[in-house]
């Protein structure tokens, strides 16, 4: 794994805008950063693919364990929604995608930092934008990137289930979320739904028809299937949350993903697999209290403290040798937290990359790299493309 400098393409902003990336610059600083790229030797990413499958297998086992042992309070799921989540799991509701974020140090197995299982973004960048960049700059090279093809397959599977329309929803005023959802809508249209069968809907415009007991769009059509780039932990706490228990809408991601898009997943994985040498190689010790962390790892253990329901790198504290080395603010600081053993990211002259491995319909199919000048990856951390050795 090497970090390489490269001159950006002339007019790169206009190029990526034509491909849908309108949020390429944030506060005057490139978010899409093609002045650098990471390169990998042949076979160097095989461990990442292997780790993705291993972590997915462990995560599915963790869902079953959480349901069997009724650990819903650990995940801050109220009793009213337990049956809703369990039914989603037991009926094997289809998942579309997720992203495992790994720390990859040389000569070490990838270490799972967290799983963005419900509403991961940076999808358009990973699937489309870096692919076209590769074709421009290194036309004979390759990438770890079959994301688009796997998305096409999963929407074809869903269409085969007889769902006549597919809506795609995001919050108003959030350009990144909007373009992510529009990309997914476009893939669904290509997969057979067509432009009339795959339509966009602001999340705020989802209605509830009291008489028909169904969620509706602005034309009062029932929502048979909808992808929402809106977290489950928010949805079940909304005013319309109780209506989720009655409506027959198929939600994507499915409700069982609420157990995986929650930082409590990390200590549960360690509890289940920490004693297994093969599986624990991909995990970091994690606990539901600082006391448990210090009891198992020692009083001087270095750690990262994460709110259970945090998002976008908010309210994270990294402590090394008793000293805070990185910290972020945000709106989640008052909630319960987990403690995860600190594992330092690779440091390329002050640039810290996190490798995001995409899982679509159960397939490890691509990678996106985010880097920052601090060890905590946040919402504005740069997206950097990659190349596999020719």
Protein backbone atom coordinates (compact mmCIF):
# COMPACT_ATOMS: atom_id res chain seq x y z
CA UNK A 1 0.00 0.00 0.00
CA UNK A 2 1.56 3.25 -1.17
CA UNK A 3 0.37 6.86 -1.25
CA UNK A 4 1.28 8.55 -4.52
CA UNK A 5 1.13 12.15 -5.70
CA UNK A 6 -0.44 12.92 -9.07
CA UNK A 7 -1.47 16.11 -10.84
CA UNK A 8 -5.25 16.55 -10.91
CA UNK A 9 -6.96 16.51 -14.28
CA UNK A 10 -7.63 19.86 -15.92
CA UNK A 11 -11.21 20.82 -15.15
CA UNK A 12 -11.65 17.93 -12.76
CA UNK A 13 -14.51 19.71 -11.00
CA UNK A 14 -16.59 19.83 -14.18
CA UNK A 15 -15.65 16.23 -15.01
CA UNK A 16 -16.92 14.79 -11.72
CA UNK A 17 -20.00 17.03 -11.74
CA UNK A 18 -21.03 15.48 -15.06
CA UNK A 19 -20.77 12.12 -13.31
CA UNK A 20 -23.00 13.26 -10.43
CA UNK A 21 -20.47 14.39 -7.82
CA UNK A 22 -21.60 17.94 -7.08
CA UNK A 23 -20.24 17.90 -3.53
CA UNK A 24 -16.62 17.52 -4.64
CA UNK A 25 -15.51 20.54 -2.58
CA UNK A 26 -16.44 21.34 1.02
CA UNK A 27 -15.72 24.77 2.50
CA UNK A 28 -13.29 25.48 -0.34
CA UNK A 29 -11.29 22.26 0.21
CA UNK A 30 -11.51 19.28 -2.15
CA UNK A 31 -13.50 16.39 -0.70
CA UNK A 32 -12.82 14.34 -3.84
CA UNK A 33 -9.01 14.49 -3.87
CA UNK A 34 -7.37 13.18 -7.04
CA UNK A 35 -4.06 14.94 -6.37
CA UNK A 36 -3.10 11.68 -4.64
CA UNK A 37 -4.00 8.03 -5.00
CA UNK A 38 -3.23 4.78 -3.22
CA UNK A 39 -1.72 1.85 -5.11
CA UNK A 40 -1.71 -1.82 -4.15
CA UNK A 41 0.26 -4.80 -5.40
CA UNK A 42 -1.49 -7.80 -6.89
CA UNK A 43 -3.06 -9.86 -4.11
CA UNK A 44 -2.50 -7.17 -1.49
CA UNK A 45 -6.24 -6.61 -1.11
CA UNK A 46 -7.08 -10.31 -0.81
CA UNK A 47 -6.93 -10.08 3.01
CA UNK A 48 -9.40 -7.18 2.90
CA UNK A 49 -11.87 -9.24 0.89
CA UNK A 50 -11.39 -12.18 3.25
CA UNK A 51 -11.89 -9.92 6.27
CA UNK A 52 -15.10 -8.53 4.78
CA UNK A 53 -16.64 -11.96 4.42
CA UNK A 54 -15.48 -13.01 7.87
CA UNK A 55 -16.90 -9.88 9.50
CA UNK A 56 -20.19 -10.25 7.65
CA UNK A 57 -20.50 -13.83 8.88
CA UNK A 58 -19.79 -12.72 12.45
CA UNK A 59 -22.27 -9.87 12.19
CA UNK A 60 -25.08 -12.13 11.03
CA UNK A 61 -24.33 -14.48 13.92
CA UNK A 62 -24.37 -11.48 16.27
CA UNK A 63 -27.87 -10.52 15.09
CA UNK A 64 -29.13 -14.02 15.82
CA UNK A 65 -27.43 -13.97 19.23
CA UNK A 66 -28.91 -10.57 20.12
CA UNK A 67 -32.38 -11.82 19.20
CA UNK A 68 -32.03 -15.18 20.97
CA UNK A 69 -30.77 -13.53 24.17
CA UNK A 70 -33.06 -10.48 23.97
CA UNK A 71 -30.25 -7.93 24.06
CA UNK A 72 -32.38 -5.14 22.60
CA UNK A 73 -31.78 -2.81 25.53
CA UNK A 74 -28.05 -2.93 24.73
CA UNK A 75 -28.93 -1.47 21.33
CA UNK A 76 -31.40 1.09 22.76
CA UNK A 77 -34.34 -0.50 20.96
CA UNK A 78 -37.61 0.07 22.79
CA UNK A 79 -39.84 -2.95 23.58
CA UNK A 80 -42.49 -1.68 21.17
CA UNK A 81 -40.20 -2.35 18.18
CA UNK A 82 -38.70 -5.69 19.22
CA UNK A 83 -41.20 -7.82 17.29
CA UNK A 84 -40.82 -5.51 14.28
CA UNK A 85 -37.06 -6.09 14.20
CA UNK A 86 -37.33 -9.82 14.90
CA UNK A 87 -39.92 -10.33 12.15
CA UNK A 88 -37.67 -8.51 9.68
CA UNK A 89 -34.88 -10.93 10.52
CA UNK A 90 -36.94 -14.11 10.62
CA UNK A 91 -38.56 -13.40 7.25
CA UNK A 92 -35.07 -12.82 5.83
CA UNK A 93 -35.81 -9.38 4.44
CA UNK A 94 -33.35 -8.51 1.70
CA UNK A 95 -30.41 -6.23 2.43
CA UNK A 96 -28.90 -4.09 -0.32
CA UNK A 97 -25.53 -2.90 0.95
CA UNK A 98 -23.23 -1.94 3.79
CA UNK A 99 -19.67 -0.75 4.33
CA UNK A 100 -17.08 -2.17 6.71
CA UNK A 101 -14.43 0.35 7.73
CA UNK A 102 -11.03 -1.22 8.35
CA UNK A 103 -7.64 -0.16 9.59
CA UNK A 104 -5.04 -1.88 7.43
CA UNK A 105 -1.50 -1.91 8.77
CA UNK A 106 1.30 -3.70 6.88
CA UNK A 107 1.70 -7.40 7.74
CA UNK A 108 -1.41 -7.37 9.94
CA UNK A 109 -4.96 -8.60 9.31
CA UNK A 110 -7.43 -5.76 8.62
CA UNK A 111 -8.99 -4.58 11.86
CA UNK A 112 -12.68 -3.69 11.92
CA UNK A 113 -13.22 -0.15 13.19
CA UNK A 114 -16.99 -0.13 12.65
CA UNK A 115 -19.75 -1.26 10.33
CA UNK A 116 -21.85 1.29 8.44
CA UNK A 117 -24.71 -1.13 7.91
CA UNK A 118 -27.77 1.08 7.49
CA UNK A 119 -27.04 4.39 5.75
CA UNK A 120 -23.48 4.39 4.38
CA UNK A 121 -22.56 7.16 1.97
CA UNK A 122 -19.45 7.66 -0.23
CA UNK A 123 -21.10 5.11 -2.52
CA UNK A 124 -21.17 7.20 -5.69
CA UNK A 125 -17.49 8.06 -5.21
CA UNK A 126 -16.48 4.44 -4.69
CA UNK A 127 -18.60 2.93 -7.45
CA UNK A 128 -18.58 5.50 -10.27
CA UNK A 129 -16.29 8.49 -9.76
CA UNK A 130 -13.07 6.65 -8.98
CA UNK A 131 -13.80 4.16 -11.80
CA UNK A 132 -14.00 6.91 -14.43
CA UNK A 133 -10.91 8.53 -12.89
CA UNK A 134 -9.08 5.21 -13.32
CA UNK A 135 -10.10 4.95 -16.98
CA UNK A 136 -8.80 8.48 -17.58
CA UNK A 137 -5.51 8.21 -15.72
CA UNK A 138 -4.60 4.51 -15.79
CA UNK A 139 -6.65 2.97 -18.61
CA UNK A 140 -4.91 -0.41 -18.49
CA UNK A 141 -4.99 -0.74 -14.70
CA UNK A 142 -7.73 -2.13 -12.48
CA UNK A 143 -9.48 -1.45 -9.18
CA UNK A 144 -11.18 -3.44 -6.47
CA UNK A 145 -14.53 -2.21 -7.75
CA UNK A 146 -17.52 -4.24 -8.94
CA UNK A 147 -19.97 -2.23 -6.88
CA UNK A 148 -22.17 -1.06 -9.75
CA UNK A 149 -22.59 -4.56 -11.18
CA UNK A 150 -23.51 -6.01 -7.78
CA UNK A 151 -26.05 -3.23 -7.20
CA UNK A 152 -27.65 -4.04 -10.54
CA UNK A 153 -27.94 -7.67 -9.46
CA UNK A 154 -29.56 -6.94 -6.12
CA UNK A 155 -32.20 -4.65 -7.62
CA UNK A 156 -33.01 -7.34 -10.14
CA UNK A 157 -33.49 -9.75 -7.23
CA UNK A 158 -35.82 -7.30 -5.48
CA UNK A 159 -37.80 -6.66 -8.65
CA UNK A 160 -38.23 -10.41 -8.99
CA UNK A 161 -40.04 -10.41 -5.64
CA UNK A 162 -42.97 -8.64 -7.27
CA UNK A 163 -42.61 -5.16 -5.75
CA UNK A 164 -44.16 -2.94 -8.45
CA UNK A 165 -42.59 0.41 -7.51
CA UNK A 166 -39.44 1.44 -5.72
CA UNK A 167 -39.14 4.81 -4.02
CA UNK A 168 -35.86 6.34 -2.90
CA UNK A 169 -35.81 8.88 -0.10
CA UNK A 170 -33.35 11.26 1.54
CA UNK A 171 -33.59 14.38 3.67
CA UNK A 172 -34.17 17.74 2.03
CA UNK A 173 -31.14 19.98 1.75
CA UNK A 174 -28.50 17.25 2.03
CA UNK A 175 -26.76 17.15 -1.34
CA UNK A 176 -24.55 14.13 -0.64
CA UNK A 177 -27.49 12.07 0.59
CA UNK A 178 -29.62 13.20 -2.34
CA UNK A 179 -27.02 12.24 -4.95
CA UNK A 180 -26.34 8.90 -3.23
CA UNK A 181 -30.03 8.07 -3.37
CA UNK A 182 -30.35 9.31 -6.96
CA UNK A 183 -27.50 7.02 -7.95
CA UNK A 184 -29.29 4.05 -6.36
CA UNK A 185 -32.53 5.09 -8.06
CA UNK A 186 -30.74 5.20 -11.41
CA UNK A 187 -29.31 1.71 -10.84
CA UNK A 188 -32.78 0.39 -9.99
CA UNK A 189 -34.17 1.97 -13.15
CA UNK A 190 -31.46 0.28 -15.20
CA UNK A 191 -32.18 -3.02 -13.43
CA UNK A 192 -35.74 -3.09 -14.78
CA UNK A 193 -37.82 -0.67 -12.75
CA UNK A 194 -37.53 2.03 -15.41
CA UNK A 195 -37.86 5.77 -14.83
CA UNK A 196 -41.52 5.51 -13.79
CA UNK A 197 -41.04 2.55 -11.46
CA UNK A 198 -38.05 4.02 -9.58
CA UNK A 199 -38.85 7.48 -8.21
CA UNK A 200 -37.40 9.92 -5.70
CA UNK A 201 -39.25 11.19 -2.61
CA UNK A 202 -38.03 13.54 0.11
CA UNK A 203 -38.14 11.71 3.44
CA UNK A 204 -40.19 14.59 4.86
CA UNK A 205 -42.87 13.98 2.20
CA UNK A 206 -43.61 10.41 3.17
CA UNK A 207 -47.23 10.35 4.25
CA UNK A 208 -49.42 8.07 6.31
CA UNK A 209 -52.94 7.34 5.09
CA UNK A 210 -54.89 6.79 8.26
CA UNK A 211 -57.88 5.17 6.56
CA UNK A 212 -55.85 2.77 4.41
CA UNK A 213 -53.21 2.23 7.11
CA UNK A 214 -50.37 2.63 4.64
CA UNK A 215 -47.42 4.91 3.92
CA UNK A 216 -47.89 6.99 0.78
CA UNK A 217 -46.07 9.30 -1.63
CA UNK A 218 -47.24 12.74 -2.77
CA UNK A 219 -49.68 11.12 -5.22
CA UNK A 220 -51.18 9.08 -2.36
CA UNK A 221 -49.79 5.90 -3.86
CA UNK A 222 -48.89 3.22 -1.34
CA UNK A 223 -45.17 2.74 -0.83
CA UNK A 224 -44.57 -0.91 -1.70
CA UNK A 225 -40.77 -0.61 -1.40
CA UNK A 226 -38.59 2.30 -0.36
CA UNK A 227 -34.89 2.83 0.22
CA UNK A 228 -34.43 5.48 2.91
CA UNK A 229 -31.10 7.14 3.59
CA UNK A 230 -32.37 7.85 7.06
CA UNK A 231 -31.26 5.92 10.16
CA UNK A 232 -33.52 3.40 11.80
CA UNK A 233 -32.69 4.79 15.24
CA UNK A 234 -34.22 8.10 14.11
CA UNK A 235 -37.21 6.53 12.39
CA UNK A 236 -38.45 4.57 15.37
CA UNK A 237 -38.32 7.73 17.48
CA UNK A 238 -40.25 9.90 15.02
CA UNK A 239 -43.88 10.87 15.46
CA UNK A 240 -44.86 8.36 12.76
CA UNK A 241 -42.65 5.66 14.27
CA UNK A 242 -45.53 3.59 15.70
CA UNK A 243 -47.10 3.45 12.23
CA UNK A 244 -44.12 1.38 11.09
CA UNK A 245 -45.61 -1.49 13.08
CA UNK A 246 -48.77 -1.51 10.94
CA UNK A 247 -47.70 -0.51 7.45
CA UNK A 248 -46.81 -3.17 4.88
CA UNK A 249 -44.07 -1.15 3.22
CA UNK A 250 -40.80 -2.98 2.56
CA UNK A 251 -38.02 -0.80 3.93
CA UNK A 252 -34.43 -0.88 2.72
CA UNK A 253 -32.20 -1.30 4.55
CA UNK A 254 -34.41 -3.77 6.48
CA UNK A 255 -35.24 -3.23 10.13
CA UNK A 256 -32.88 -5.97 11.35
CA UNK A 257 -29.99 -3.77 10.23
CA UNK A 258 -30.68 -1.58 13.29
CA UNK A 259 -28.71 -4.19 15.25
CA UNK A 260 -25.67 -3.76 13.01
CA UNK A 261 -25.64 0.01 12.52
CA UNK A 262 -25.12 0.51 16.24
CA UNK A 263 -21.78 0.71 18.05
CA UNK A 264 -22.99 -1.90 20.55
CA UNK A 265 -22.25 -4.35 17.78
CA UNK A 266 -18.51 -3.96 18.48
CA UNK A 267 -18.45 -5.23 22.10
CA UNK A 268 -20.95 -7.94 21.17
CA UNK A 269 -18.64 -9.19 18.41
CA UNK A 270 -15.74 -9.24 20.84
CA UNK A 271 -17.82 -11.05 23.45
CA UNK A 272 -18.82 -13.71 20.92
CA UNK A 273 -15.57 -14.14 18.98
CA UNK A 274 -12.77 -12.62 21.07
CA UNK A 275 -11.59 -16.06 22.14
CA UNK A 276 -11.49 -17.41 18.58
CA UNK A 277 -7.96 -16.80 17.22
CA UNK A 278 -9.02 -16.88 13.58
CA UNK A 279 -12.06 -14.61 13.83
CA UNK A 280 -10.75 -12.27 16.50
CA UNK A 281 -7.82 -11.45 14.20
CA UNK A 282 -10.18 -9.02 12.43
CA UNK A 283 -11.61 -7.48 15.60
CA UNK A 284 -10.48 -4.99 18.20
CA UNK A 285 -11.32 -5.62 21.87
CA UNK A 286 -14.41 -3.57 22.71
CA UNK A 287 -16.50 -3.21 25.85
CA UNK A 288 -19.63 -1.54 27.17
CA UNK A 289 -17.74 0.25 29.94
CA UNK A 290 -14.33 1.75 30.56
CA UNK A 291 -14.05 -0.40 33.67
CA UNK A 292 -14.45 -3.57 31.62
CA UNK A 293 -11.86 -2.36 29.13
CA UNK A 294 -9.30 -1.68 31.86
CA UNK A 295 -10.09 -4.93 33.66
CA UNK A 296 -9.38 -6.94 30.51
CA UNK A 297 -6.62 -4.83 28.90
CA UNK A 298 -4.99 -3.12 31.88
CA UNK A 299 -5.32 0.24 33.62
CA UNK A 300 -3.10 1.97 31.08
CA UNK A 301 -4.97 0.63 28.01
CA UNK A 302 -5.37 3.06 25.15
CA UNK A 303 -8.86 3.31 23.73
CA UNK A 304 -11.39 5.05 21.52
CA UNK A 305 -14.66 6.07 23.14
CA UNK A 306 -17.68 6.05 20.80
CA UNK A 307 -21.33 6.90 21.51
CA UNK A 308 -23.56 3.94 20.71
CA UNK A 309 -25.73 6.03 18.38
CA UNK A 310 -23.13 8.37 16.93
CA UNK A 311 -22.72 9.14 13.23
CA UNK A 312 -20.17 10.76 10.89
CA UNK A 313 -17.29 10.59 13.37
CA UNK A 314 -19.03 12.81 15.93
CA UNK A 315 -18.29 12.78 19.67
CA UNK A 316 -15.32 10.41 19.34
CA UNK A 317 -12.45 10.53 21.83
CA UNK A 318 -9.14 8.75 21.24
CA UNK A 319 -6.91 8.26 24.28
CA UNK A 320 -3.33 6.97 24.06
CA UNK A 321 -1.33 6.41 27.22
CA UNK A 322 -3.78 8.45 29.27
CA UNK A 323 -3.58 11.42 26.88
CA UNK A 324 -6.33 12.54 24.52
CA UNK A 325 -4.78 12.50 21.05
CA UNK A 326 -7.94 13.27 19.03
CA UNK A 327 -11.46 14.37 19.83
CA UNK A 328 -14.53 15.49 17.91
CA UNK A 329 -17.67 17.34 18.91
CA UNK A 330 -21.24 16.72 17.92
CA UNK A 331 -24.79 16.10 19.16
CA UNK A 332 -24.35 12.56 20.58
CA UNK A 333 -22.16 13.20 23.61
CA UNK A 334 -24.91 12.70 26.18
CA UNK A 335 -25.73 9.13 25.13
CA UNK A 336 -24.24 5.82 26.31
CA UNK A 337 -20.90 4.78 24.83
CA UNK A 338 -18.69 1.83 24.06
CA UNK A 339 -14.91 1.60 24.54
CA UNK A 340 -12.76 0.06 21.80
CA UNK A 341 -9.04 -0.64 22.01
CA UNK A 342 -7.04 2.01 20.13
CA UNK A 343 -5.42 0.73 16.95
CA UNK A 344 -3.36 3.32 15.14
CA UNK A 345 -4.10 4.01 11.49
CA UNK A 346 -1.29 3.97 8.92
CA UNK A 347 0.42 7.36 8.85
CA UNK A 348 1.54 8.63 5.44
CA UNK A 349 3.27 11.91 6.35
CA UNK A 350 0.33 13.06 8.44
CA UNK A 351 -2.41 11.46 6.32
CA UNK A 352 -4.44 8.68 7.95
CA UNK A 353 -6.40 6.39 5.59
CA UNK A 354 -9.37 4.18 6.43
CA UNK A 355 -10.30 1.48 3.93
CA UNK A 356 -14.03 1.08 3.40
CA UNK A 357 -14.96 -2.35 2.04
CA UNK A 358 -18.37 -2.50 0.35
CA UNK A 359 -20.69 -5.47 0.76
CA UNK A 360 -23.57 -5.63 -1.74
CA UNK A 361 -26.09 -8.46 -1.61
CA UNK A 362 -23.59 -10.47 0.42
CA UNK A 363 -20.69 -9.89 -1.99
CA UNK A 364 -17.45 -8.09 -1.11
CA UNK A 365 -17.21 -6.01 -4.26
CA UNK A 366 -15.26 -2.79 -3.86
CA UNK A 367 -13.27 -0.35 -1.80
CA UNK A 368 -13.26 3.35 -1.07
CA UNK A 369 -10.51 5.13 0.85
CA UNK A 370 -11.12 8.11 3.13
CA UNK A 371 -8.21 9.98 4.68
CA UNK A 372 -7.79 12.83 7.10
CA UNK A 373 -5.07 14.79 8.84
CA UNK A 374 -6.35 13.39 12.16
CA UNK A 375 -6.89 9.77 13.24
CA UNK A 376 -10.68 10.28 13.33
CA UNK A 377 -12.49 9.99 10.01
CA UNK A 378 -15.39 12.44 9.79
CA UNK A 379 -18.02 13.57 7.32
CA UNK A 380 -15.63 15.88 5.47
CA UNK A 381 -12.63 13.54 5.35
CA UNK A 382 -11.27 13.32 1.82
CA UNK A 383 -12.12 10.55 -0.60
CA UNK A 384 -8.99 9.34 -2.42
CA UNK A 385 -9.03 6.88 -5.38
CA UNK A 386 -6.99 3.72 -5.66
CA UNK A 387 -5.25 1.57 -8.28
CA UNK A 388 -4.27 -2.08 -8.38
CA UNK A 389 -0.82 -2.71 -9.78
CA UNK A 390 -0.73 -3.30 -13.53
